[in-house]
Every structure is written in structure tokens, then in C-alpha cells.
Full PDB file with SEQRES, HELIX, SHEET, SSBOND, CRYST1, ORIGX, SCALE, CONECT and MASTER records, all heavy atoms in Angstrom:
SEQRES   1 A   33  LYS ILE LEU TYR ARG ILE SER LYS LYS GLY ILE ASP LEU          
SEQRES   2 A   33  LEU PRO VAL LEU LEU GLU LEU ILE LEU TRP SER ASP LYS          
SEQRES   3 A   33  TYR LEU PRO ILE SER ALA GLN                                  
HELIX    1 AA1 LYS A    8  ILE A   11  1                                   4    
HELIX    2 AA2 LEU A   14  TYR A   27  1                                  14    
CRYST1    1.000    1.000    1.000  90.00  90.00  90.00 P 1           1          
ORIGX1      1.000000  0.000000  0.000000        0.00000                         
ORIGX2      0.000000  1.000000  0.000000        0.00000                         
ORIGX3      0.000000  0.000000  1.000000        0.00000                         
SCALE1      1.000000  0.000000  0.000000        0.00000                         
SCALE2      0.000000  1.000000  0.000000        0.00000                         
SCALE3      0.000000  0.000000  1.000000        0.00000                         
ATOM      1  N   LYS A   1     118.485  83.388  90.542  1.00  0.00           N  
ATOM      2  CA  LYS A   1     117.791  84.480  91.123  1.00  0.00           C  
ATOM      3  C   LYS A   1     118.284  85.822  90.645  1.00  0.00           C  
ATOM      4  O   LYS A   1     119.336  85.953  90.162  1.00  0.00           O  
ATOM      5  CB  LYS A   1     118.013  84.435  92.707  1.00  0.00           C  
ATOM      6  CG  LYS A   1     117.366  83.376  93.413  1.00  0.00           C  
ATOM      7  CD  LYS A   1     117.570  83.425  94.905  1.00  0.00           C  
ATOM      8  CE  LYS A   1     116.963  82.421  95.693  1.00  0.00           C  
ATOM      9  NZ  LYS A   1     117.188  82.649  97.043  1.00  0.00           N  
ATOM     10  N   ILE A   2     117.276  86.786  90.715  1.00  0.00           N  
ATOM     11  CA  ILE A   2     117.549  88.140  90.316  1.00  0.00           C  
ATOM     12  C   ILE A   2     117.337  89.038  91.642  1.00  0.00           C  
ATOM     13  O   ILE A   2     116.308  88.747  92.393  1.00  0.00           O  
ATOM     14  CB  ILE A   2     116.622  88.605  89.247  1.00  0.00           C  
ATOM     15  CG1 ILE A   2     116.971  87.789  87.996  1.00  0.00           C  
ATOM     16  CG2 ILE A   2     116.622  90.093  88.981  1.00  0.00           C  
ATOM     17  CD1 ILE A   2     115.880  88.036  86.793  1.00  0.00           C  
ATOM     18  N   LEU A   3     118.143  89.996  91.815  1.00  0.00           N  
ATOM     19  CA  LEU A   3     117.837  91.001  92.871  1.00  0.00           C  
ATOM     20  C   LEU A   3     117.259  92.185  92.285  1.00  0.00           C  
ATOM     21  O   LEU A   3     117.710  92.685  91.199  1.00  0.00           O  
ATOM     22  CB  LEU A   3     119.229  91.341  93.564  1.00  0.00           C  
ATOM     23  CG  LEU A   3     119.858  90.367  94.373  1.00  0.00           C  
ATOM     24  CD1 LEU A   3     121.152  90.896  94.953  1.00  0.00           C  
ATOM     25  CD2 LEU A   3     119.031  89.877  95.592  1.00  0.00           C  
ATOM     26  N   TYR A   4     116.271  92.737  92.999  1.00  0.00           N  
ATOM     27  CA  TYR A   4     115.648  93.900  92.484  1.00  0.00           C  
ATOM     28  C   TYR A   4     116.066  94.971  93.481  1.00  0.00           C  
ATOM     29  O   TYR A   4     116.021  94.884  94.698  1.00  0.00           O  
ATOM     30  CB  TYR A   4     114.093  93.848  92.448  1.00  0.00           C  
ATOM     31  CG  TYR A   4     113.661  92.898  91.518  1.00  0.00           C  
ATOM     32  CD1 TYR A   4     113.467  91.620  91.700  1.00  0.00           C  
ATOM     33  CD2 TYR A   4     113.337  93.428  90.160  1.00  0.00           C  
ATOM     34  CE1 TYR A   4     113.103  90.721  90.656  1.00  0.00           C  
ATOM     35  CE2 TYR A   4     112.929  92.485  89.124  1.00  0.00           C  
ATOM     36  CZ  TYR A   4     112.804  91.164  89.428  1.00  0.00           C  
ATOM     37  OH  TYR A   4     112.498  90.322  88.398  1.00  0.00           O  
ATOM     38  N   ARG A   5     116.616  96.156  92.984  1.00  0.00           N  
ATOM     39  CA  ARG A   5     117.152  97.315  93.625  1.00  0.00           C  
ATOM     40  C   ARG A   5     116.303  98.458  93.274  1.00  0.00           C  
ATOM     41  O   ARG A   5     115.927  98.696  92.208  1.00  0.00           O  
ATOM     42  CB  ARG A   5     118.607  97.495  93.435  1.00  0.00           C  
ATOM     43  CG  ARG A   5     119.525  96.286  93.734  1.00  0.00           C  
ATOM     44  CD  ARG A   5     119.632  96.185  95.274  1.00  0.00           C  
ATOM     45  NE  ARG A   5     120.754  95.259  95.448  1.00  0.00           N  
ATOM     46  CZ  ARG A   5     120.890  94.628  96.699  1.00  0.00           C  
ATOM     47  NH1 ARG A   5     120.023  94.840  97.590  1.00  0.00           N  
ATOM     48  NH2 ARG A   5     121.874  93.757  96.840  1.00  0.00           N  
ATOM     49  N   ILE A   6     116.171  99.359  94.322  1.00  0.00           N  
ATOM     50  CA  ILE A   6     115.292 100.595  94.110  1.00  0.00           C  
ATOM     51  C   ILE A   6     116.396 101.644  93.540  1.00  0.00           C  
ATOM     52  O   ILE A   6     117.512 101.693  94.016  1.00  0.00           O  
ATOM     53  CB  ILE A   6     114.790 101.032  95.402  1.00  0.00           C  
ATOM     54  CG1 ILE A   6     113.707 102.085  95.163  1.00  0.00           C  
ATOM     55  CG2 ILE A   6     115.700 101.460  96.442  1.00  0.00           C  
ATOM     56  CD1 ILE A   6     112.364 101.660  95.166  1.00  0.00           C  
ATOM     57  N   SER A   7     115.899 102.422  92.557  1.00  0.00           N  
ATOM     58  CA  SER A   7     116.763 103.466  92.020  1.00  0.00           C  
ATOM     59  C   SER A   7     116.573 104.787  92.775  1.00  0.00           C  
ATOM     60  O   SER A   7     115.757 104.843  93.657  1.00  0.00           O  
ATOM     61  CB  SER A   7     116.297 103.720  90.575  1.00  0.00           C  
ATOM     62  OG  SER A   7     115.038 104.302  90.472  1.00  0.00           O  
ATOM     63  N   LYS A   8     117.348 105.796  92.508  1.00  0.00           N  
ATOM     64  CA  LYS A   8     117.146 107.092  93.152  1.00  0.00           C  
ATOM     65  C   LYS A   8     115.753 107.516  92.868  1.00  0.00           C  
ATOM     66  O   LYS A   8     115.084 108.148  93.754  1.00  0.00           O  
ATOM     67  CB  LYS A   8     118.138 108.106  92.507  1.00  0.00           C  
ATOM     68  CG  LYS A   8     117.804 109.553  92.855  1.00  0.00           C  
ATOM     69  CD  LYS A   8     118.833 110.300  93.616  1.00  0.00           C  
ATOM     70  CE  LYS A   8     118.544 111.740  93.924  1.00  0.00           C  
ATOM     71  NZ  LYS A   8     117.263 112.042  94.531  1.00  0.00           N  
ATOM     72  N   LYS A   9     115.224 107.375  91.539  1.00  0.00           N  
ATOM     73  CA  LYS A   9     113.914 107.817  91.315  1.00  0.00           C  
ATOM     74  C   LYS A   9     112.912 107.034  92.180  1.00  0.00           C  
ATOM     75  O   LYS A   9     111.888 107.692  92.631  1.00  0.00           O  
ATOM     76  CB  LYS A   9     113.714 107.370  89.808  1.00  0.00           C  
ATOM     77  CG  LYS A   9     112.340 107.809  89.182  1.00  0.00           C  
ATOM     78  CD  LYS A   9     112.372 107.357  87.722  1.00  0.00           C  
ATOM     79  CE  LYS A   9     111.155 107.835  87.027  1.00  0.00           C  
ATOM     80  NZ  LYS A   9     111.166 107.499  85.518  1.00  0.00           N  
ATOM     81  N   GLY A  10     113.137 105.774  92.503  1.00  0.00           N  
ATOM     82  CA  GLY A  10     112.348 105.036  93.430  1.00  0.00           C  
ATOM     83  C   GLY A  10     112.413 105.536  94.777  1.00  0.00           C  
ATOM     84  O   GLY A  10     111.398 105.631  95.519  1.00  0.00           O  
ATOM     85  N   ILE A  11     113.591 105.722  95.299  1.00  0.00           N  
ATOM     86  CA  ILE A  11     113.825 106.249  96.663  1.00  0.00           C  
ATOM     87  C   ILE A  11     113.155 107.584  96.829  1.00  0.00           C  
ATOM     88  O   ILE A  11     112.591 107.818  98.027  1.00  0.00           O  
ATOM     89  CB  ILE A  11     115.347 106.389  96.940  1.00  0.00           C  
ATOM     90  CG1 ILE A  11     116.029 105.047  97.008  1.00  0.00           C  
ATOM     91  CG2 ILE A  11     115.564 107.160  98.274  1.00  0.00           C  
ATOM     92  CD1 ILE A  11     117.569 105.052  97.072  1.00  0.00           C  
ATOM     93  N   ASP A  12     112.992 108.362  95.803  1.00  0.00           N  
ATOM     94  CA  ASP A  12     112.318 109.582  95.908  1.00  0.00           C  
ATOM     95  C   ASP A  12     110.752 109.417  96.188  1.00  0.00           C  
ATOM     96  O   ASP A  12     110.162 110.524  96.494  1.00  0.00           O  
ATOM     97  CB  ASP A  12     112.556 110.461  94.742  1.00  0.00           C  
ATOM     98  CG  ASP A  12     113.973 111.098  94.723  1.00  0.00           C  
ATOM     99  OD1 ASP A  12     114.606 111.145  95.751  1.00  0.00           O  
ATOM    100  OD2 ASP A  12     114.360 111.659  93.648  1.00  0.00           O  
ATOM    101  N   LEU A  13     110.323 108.250  96.059  1.00  0.00           N  
ATOM    102  CA  LEU A  13     108.887 107.956  96.564  1.00  0.00           C  
ATOM    103  C   LEU A  13     108.707 107.795  97.912  1.00  0.00           C  
ATOM    104  O   LEU A  13     107.678 107.582  98.428  1.00  0.00           O  
ATOM    105  CB  LEU A  13     108.390 106.715  95.686  1.00  0.00           C  
ATOM    106  CG  LEU A  13     108.087 107.026  94.162  1.00  0.00           C  
ATOM    107  CD1 LEU A  13     107.845 105.683  93.512  1.00  0.00           C  
ATOM    108  CD2 LEU A  13     106.893 107.893  94.025  1.00  0.00           C  
ATOM    109  N   LEU A  14     109.784 107.659  98.800  1.00  0.00           N  
ATOM    110  CA  LEU A  14     109.639 107.421 100.192  1.00  0.00           C  
ATOM    111  C   LEU A  14     108.679 108.330 100.917  1.00  0.00           C  
ATOM    112  O   LEU A  14     107.871 107.915 101.703  1.00  0.00           O  
ATOM    113  CB  LEU A  14     111.016 107.314 100.782  1.00  0.00           C  
ATOM    114  CG  LEU A  14     111.081 107.071 102.319  1.00  0.00           C  
ATOM    115  CD1 LEU A  14     110.525 105.763 102.709  1.00  0.00           C  
ATOM    116  CD2 LEU A  14     112.502 107.103 102.799  1.00  0.00           C  
ATOM    117  N   PRO A  15     108.825 109.663 100.677  1.00  0.00           N  
ATOM    118  CA  PRO A  15     107.854 110.516 101.413  1.00  0.00           C  
ATOM    119  C   PRO A  15     106.463 110.220 100.995  1.00  0.00           C  
ATOM    120  O   PRO A  15     105.515 110.452 101.872  1.00  0.00           O  
ATOM    121  CB  PRO A  15     108.253 111.942 100.875  1.00  0.00           C  
ATOM    122  CG  PRO A  15     109.715 111.875 100.522  1.00  0.00           C  
ATOM    123  CD  PRO A  15     109.805 110.348  99.985  1.00  0.00           C  
ATOM    124  N   VAL A  16     106.127 109.786  99.838  1.00  0.00           N  
ATOM    125  CA  VAL A  16     104.785 109.428  99.405  1.00  0.00           C  
ATOM    126  C   VAL A  16     104.267 108.305 100.250  1.00  0.00           C  
ATOM    127  O   VAL A  16     103.180 108.286 100.740  1.00  0.00           O  
ATOM    128  CB  VAL A  16     104.671 109.058  97.984  1.00  0.00           C  
ATOM    129  CG1 VAL A  16     103.404 108.569  97.581  1.00  0.00           C  
ATOM    130  CG2 VAL A  16     105.106 110.170  97.105  1.00  0.00           C  
ATOM    131  N   LEU A  17     105.262 107.234 100.430  1.00  0.00           N  
ATOM    132  CA  LEU A  17     104.870 106.068 101.131  1.00  0.00           C  
ATOM    133  C   LEU A  17     104.558 106.466 102.711  1.00  0.00           C  
ATOM    134  O   LEU A  17     103.666 105.989 103.358  1.00  0.00           O  
ATOM    135  CB  LEU A  17     105.804 105.064 101.247  1.00  0.00           C  
ATOM    136  CG  LEU A  17     106.053 104.186  99.989  1.00  0.00           C  
ATOM    137  CD1 LEU A  17     107.222 103.204 100.114  1.00  0.00           C  
ATOM    138  CD2 LEU A  17     104.726 103.420  99.654  1.00  0.00           C  
ATOM    139  N   LEU A  18     105.434 107.321 103.196  1.00  0.00           N  
ATOM    140  CA  LEU A  18     105.314 107.732 104.555  1.00  0.00           C  
ATOM    141  C   LEU A  18     103.987 108.528 104.834  1.00  0.00           C  
ATOM    142  O   LEU A  18     103.256 108.402 105.773  1.00  0.00           O  
ATOM    143  CB  LEU A  18     106.423 108.528 105.078  1.00  0.00           C  
ATOM    144  CG  LEU A  18     107.784 107.830 105.117  1.00  0.00           C  
ATOM    145  CD1 LEU A  18     108.912 108.647 105.666  1.00  0.00           C  
ATOM    146  CD2 LEU A  18     107.756 106.533 105.914  1.00  0.00           C  
ATOM    147  N   GLU A  19     103.620 109.319 103.763  1.00  0.00           N  
ATOM    148  CA  GLU A  19     102.328 110.091 103.905  1.00  0.00           C  
ATOM    149  C   GLU A  19     101.135 109.183 103.882  1.00  0.00           C  
ATOM    150  O   GLU A  19     100.176 109.475 104.569  1.00  0.00           O  
ATOM    151  CB  GLU A  19     102.297 111.309 102.752  1.00  0.00           C  
ATOM    152  CG  GLU A  19     103.129 112.315 103.046  1.00  0.00           C  
ATOM    153  CD  GLU A  19     102.966 113.125 104.400  1.00  0.00           C  
ATOM    154  OE1 GLU A  19     101.675 113.173 104.796  1.00  0.00           O  
ATOM    155  OE2 GLU A  19     103.906 113.715 104.939  1.00  0.00           O  
ATOM    156  N   LEU A  20     101.227 108.105 103.087  1.00  0.00           N  
ATOM    157  CA  LEU A  20     100.091 107.169 103.039  1.00  0.00           C  
ATOM    158  C   LEU A  20      99.985 106.429 104.374  1.00  0.00           C  
ATOM    159  O   LEU A  20      98.895 106.139 104.824  1.00  0.00           O  
ATOM    160  CB  LEU A  20     100.310 106.103 101.928  1.00  0.00           C  
ATOM    161  CG  LEU A  20     100.071 106.641 100.475  1.00  0.00           C  
ATOM    162  CD1 LEU A  20     100.547 105.572  99.442  1.00  0.00           C  
ATOM    163  CD2 LEU A  20      98.582 106.922 100.347  1.00  0.00           C  
ATOM    164  N   ILE A  21     101.175 106.185 105.020  1.00  0.00           N  
ATOM    165  CA  ILE A  21     101.039 105.498 106.304  1.00  0.00           C  
ATOM    166  C   ILE A  21     100.383 106.464 107.334  1.00  0.00           C  
ATOM    167  O   ILE A  21      99.543 106.018 108.125  1.00  0.00           O  
ATOM    168  CB  ILE A  21     102.566 105.188 106.820  1.00  0.00           C  
ATOM    169  CG1 ILE A  21     102.959 103.974 105.981  1.00  0.00           C  
ATOM    170  CG2 ILE A  21     102.490 104.839 108.214  1.00  0.00           C  
ATOM    171  CD1 ILE A  21     104.524 103.720 106.060  1.00  0.00           C  
ATOM    172  N   LEU A  22     100.765 107.796 107.286  1.00  0.00           N  
ATOM    173  CA  LEU A  22     100.234 108.708 108.233  1.00  0.00           C  
ATOM    174  C   LEU A  22      98.762 108.838 107.915  1.00  0.00           C  
ATOM    175  O   LEU A  22      97.862 108.971 108.816  1.00  0.00           O  
ATOM    176  CB  LEU A  22     100.904 110.088 108.111  1.00  0.00           C  
ATOM    177  CG  LEU A  22     102.352 110.060 108.611  1.00  0.00           C  
ATOM    178  CD1 LEU A  22     103.004 111.522 108.226  1.00  0.00           C  
ATOM    179  CD2 LEU A  22     102.440 109.734 110.093  1.00  0.00           C  
ATOM    180  N   TRP A  23      98.284 108.863 106.675  1.00  0.00           N  
ATOM    181  CA  TRP A  23      96.846 109.071 106.330  1.00  0.00           C  
ATOM    182  C   TRP A  23      96.148 107.774 106.824  1.00  0.00           C  
ATOM    183  O   TRP A  23      95.046 108.013 107.355  1.00  0.00           O  
ATOM    184  CB  TRP A  23      96.740 109.253 104.814  1.00  0.00           C  
ATOM    185  CG  TRP A  23      95.346 109.515 104.417  1.00  0.00           C  
ATOM    186  CD1 TRP A  23      94.674 110.682 104.310  1.00  0.00           C  
ATOM    187  CD2 TRP A  23      94.370 108.518 103.943  1.00  0.00           C  
ATOM    188  NE1 TRP A  23      93.392 110.420 103.845  1.00  0.00           N  
ATOM    189  CE2 TRP A  23      93.209 109.132 103.659  1.00  0.00           C  
ATOM    190  CE3 TRP A  23      94.390 107.105 103.818  1.00  0.00           C  
ATOM    191  CZ2 TRP A  23      92.058 108.391 103.255  1.00  0.00           C  
ATOM    192  CZ3 TRP A  23      93.356 106.429 103.414  1.00  0.00           C  
ATOM    193  CH2 TRP A  23      92.143 107.146 103.100  1.00  0.00           C  
ATOM    194  N   SER A  24      96.705 106.686 106.610  1.00  0.00           N  
ATOM    195  CA  SER A  24      96.031 105.437 107.043  1.00  0.00           C  
ATOM    196  C   SER A  24      95.874 105.444 108.507  1.00  0.00           C  
ATOM    197  O   SER A  24      94.874 104.938 109.123  1.00  0.00           O  
ATOM    198  CB  SER A  24      96.923 104.229 106.540  1.00  0.00           C  
ATOM    199  OG  SER A  24      96.740 104.130 105.134  1.00  0.00           O  
ATOM    200  N   ASP A  25      96.966 105.832 109.321  1.00  0.00           N  
ATOM    201  CA  ASP A  25      96.859 105.910 110.700  1.00  0.00           C  
ATOM    202  C   ASP A  25      95.780 106.772 111.173  1.00  0.00           C  
ATOM    203  O   ASP A  25      95.067 106.493 112.223  1.00  0.00           O  
ATOM    204  CB  ASP A  25      98.225 106.444 111.285  1.00  0.00           C  
ATOM    205  CG  ASP A  25      98.271 106.449 112.784  1.00  0.00           C  
ATOM    206  OD1 ASP A  25      97.832 105.476 113.467  1.00  0.00           O  
ATOM    207  OD2 ASP A  25      98.747 107.535 113.303  1.00  0.00           O  
ATOM    208  N   LYS A  26      95.533 107.881 110.523  1.00  0.00           N  
ATOM    209  CA  LYS A  26      94.438 108.753 110.975  1.00  0.00           C  
ATOM    210  C   LYS A  26      93.071 108.385 110.554  1.00  0.00           C  
ATOM    211  O   LYS A  26      92.161 108.542 111.339  1.00  0.00           O  
ATOM    212  CB  LYS A  26      94.719 110.190 110.085  1.00  0.00           C  
ATOM    213  CG  LYS A  26      93.821 111.284 110.611  1.00  0.00           C  
ATOM    214  CD  LYS A  26      94.228 112.562 109.869  1.00  0.00           C  
ATOM    215  CE  LYS A  26      93.303 113.689 110.337  1.00  0.00           C  
ATOM    216  NZ  LYS A  26      93.749 114.988 109.700  1.00  0.00           N  
ATOM    217  N   TYR A  27      92.909 107.590 109.515  1.00  0.00           N  
ATOM    218  CA  TYR A  27      91.499 107.216 109.066  1.00  0.00           C  
ATOM    219  C   TYR A  27      91.154 105.803 108.921  1.00  0.00           C  
ATOM    220  O   TYR A  27      90.022 105.454 108.758  1.00  0.00           O  
ATOM    221  CB  TYR A  27      91.300 107.885 107.627  1.00  0.00           C  
ATOM    222  CG  TYR A  27      91.350 109.402 107.619  1.00  0.00           C  
ATOM    223  CD1 TYR A  27      92.382 110.078 107.076  1.00  0.00           C  
ATOM    224  CD2 TYR A  27      90.347 110.104 108.160  1.00  0.00           C  
ATOM    225  CE1 TYR A  27      92.442 111.400 107.097  1.00  0.00           C  
ATOM    226  CE2 TYR A  27      90.388 111.529 108.193  1.00  0.00           C  
ATOM    227  CZ  TYR A  27      91.439 112.220 107.723  1.00  0.00           C  
ATOM    228  OH  TYR A  27      91.416 113.552 107.613  1.00  0.00           O  
ATOM    229  N   LEU A  28      92.154 104.899 109.109  1.00  0.00           N  
ATOM    230  CA  LEU A  28      91.868 103.492 108.833  1.00  0.00           C  
ATOM    231  C   LEU A  28      92.272 102.633 110.001  1.00  0.00           C  
ATOM    232  O   LEU A  28      93.178 102.974 110.740  1.00  0.00           O  
ATOM    233  CB  LEU A  28      92.596 102.993 107.545  1.00  0.00           C  
ATOM    234  CG  LEU A  28      92.251 103.768 106.283  1.00  0.00           C  
ATOM    235  CD1 LEU A  28      93.212 103.334 105.163  1.00  0.00           C  
ATOM    236  CD2 LEU A  28      90.829 103.565 105.865  1.00  0.00           C  
ATOM    237  N   PRO A  29      91.613 101.429 110.203  1.00  0.00           N  
ATOM    238  CA  PRO A  29      92.197 100.561 111.169  1.00  0.00           C  
ATOM    239  C   PRO A  29      93.574  99.840 110.657  1.00  0.00           C  
ATOM    240  O   PRO A  29      93.591  99.211 109.567  1.00  0.00           O  
ATOM    241  CB  PRO A  29      91.050  99.535 111.297  1.00  0.00           C  
ATOM    242  CG  PRO A  29      90.366  99.549 110.145  1.00  0.00           C  
ATOM    243  CD  PRO A  29      90.468 100.964 109.616  1.00  0.00           C  
ATOM    244  N   ILE A  30      94.573 100.024 111.401  1.00  0.00           N  
ATOM    245  CA  ILE A  30      95.951  99.445 111.017  1.00  0.00           C  
ATOM    246  C   ILE A  30      96.519  98.640 112.157  1.00  0.00           C  
ATOM    247  O   ILE A  30      96.022  98.859 113.270  1.00  0.00           O  
ATOM    248  CB  ILE A  30      96.921 100.556 110.423  1.00  0.00           C  
ATOM    249  CG1 ILE A  30      97.167 101.554 111.446  1.00  0.00           C  
ATOM    250  CG2 ILE A  30      96.283 101.099 109.188  1.00  0.00           C  
ATOM    251  CD1 ILE A  30      98.222 102.589 111.034  1.00  0.00           C  
ATOM    252  N   SER A  31      97.475  97.865 111.908  1.00  0.00           N  
ATOM    253  CA  SER A  31      98.146  97.175 113.047  1.00  0.00           C  
ATOM    254  C   SER A  31      98.796  98.049 113.960  1.00  0.00           C  
ATOM    255  O   SER A  31      99.144  99.232 113.741  1.00  0.00           O  
ATOM    256  CB  SER A  31      99.145  96.255 112.282  1.00  0.00           C  
ATOM    257  OG  SER A  31     100.374  96.972 111.877  1.00  0.00           O  
ATOM    258  N   ALA A  32      99.043  97.439 115.240  1.00  0.00           N  
ATOM    259  CA  ALA A  32      99.731  98.158 116.174  1.00  0.00           C  
ATOM    260  C   ALA A  32     101.119  98.565 115.747  1.00  0.00           C  
ATOM    261  O   ALA A  32     101.616  99.634 116.134  1.00  0.00           O  
ATOM    262  CB  ALA A  32      99.774  97.327 117.492  1.00  0.00           C  
ATOM    263  N   GLN A  33     101.795  97.736 115.088  1.00  0.00           N  
ATOM    264  CA  GLN A  33     103.109  97.965 114.588  1.00  0.00           C  
ATOM    265  C   GLN A  33     103.150  99.200 113.623  1.00  0.00           C  
ATOM    266  O   GLN A  33     104.009 100.086 113.706  1.00  0.00           O  
ATOM    267  CB  GLN A  33     103.668  96.751 113.907  1.00  0.00           C  
ATOM    268  CG  GLN A  33     105.181  96.871 113.445  1.00  0.00           C  
ATOM    269  CD  GLN A  33     105.693  95.713 112.695  1.00  0.00           C  
ATOM    270  OE1 GLN A  33     104.900  94.711 112.563  1.00  0.00           O  
ATOM    271  NE2 GLN A  33     106.867  95.730 112.266  1.00  0.00           N  
TER     272      GLN A  33                                                      
MASTER        0    0    0    2    0    0    0    6  271    1    0    3          
END                                                                             
């Protein structure tokens, strides 16, 4: 097996993911969780 780890460069994408979650919450049907 190989483990995949996120780099600092990847961690810096976290705000992008969170903004996509917020946008989806505002405009799309998403799960209760």
C-alpha cells in the first residue's frame, strides 16, 4: 500500500473547498450533514 498525504500547497486549497460547500449550501440540494 501507498499513503497519500496532502502538501502545504494542497492544504492551502482548504478555503476553496469550504467556499464551494457554502456556495452549494446556498444554491443546491445537499445532505443534512
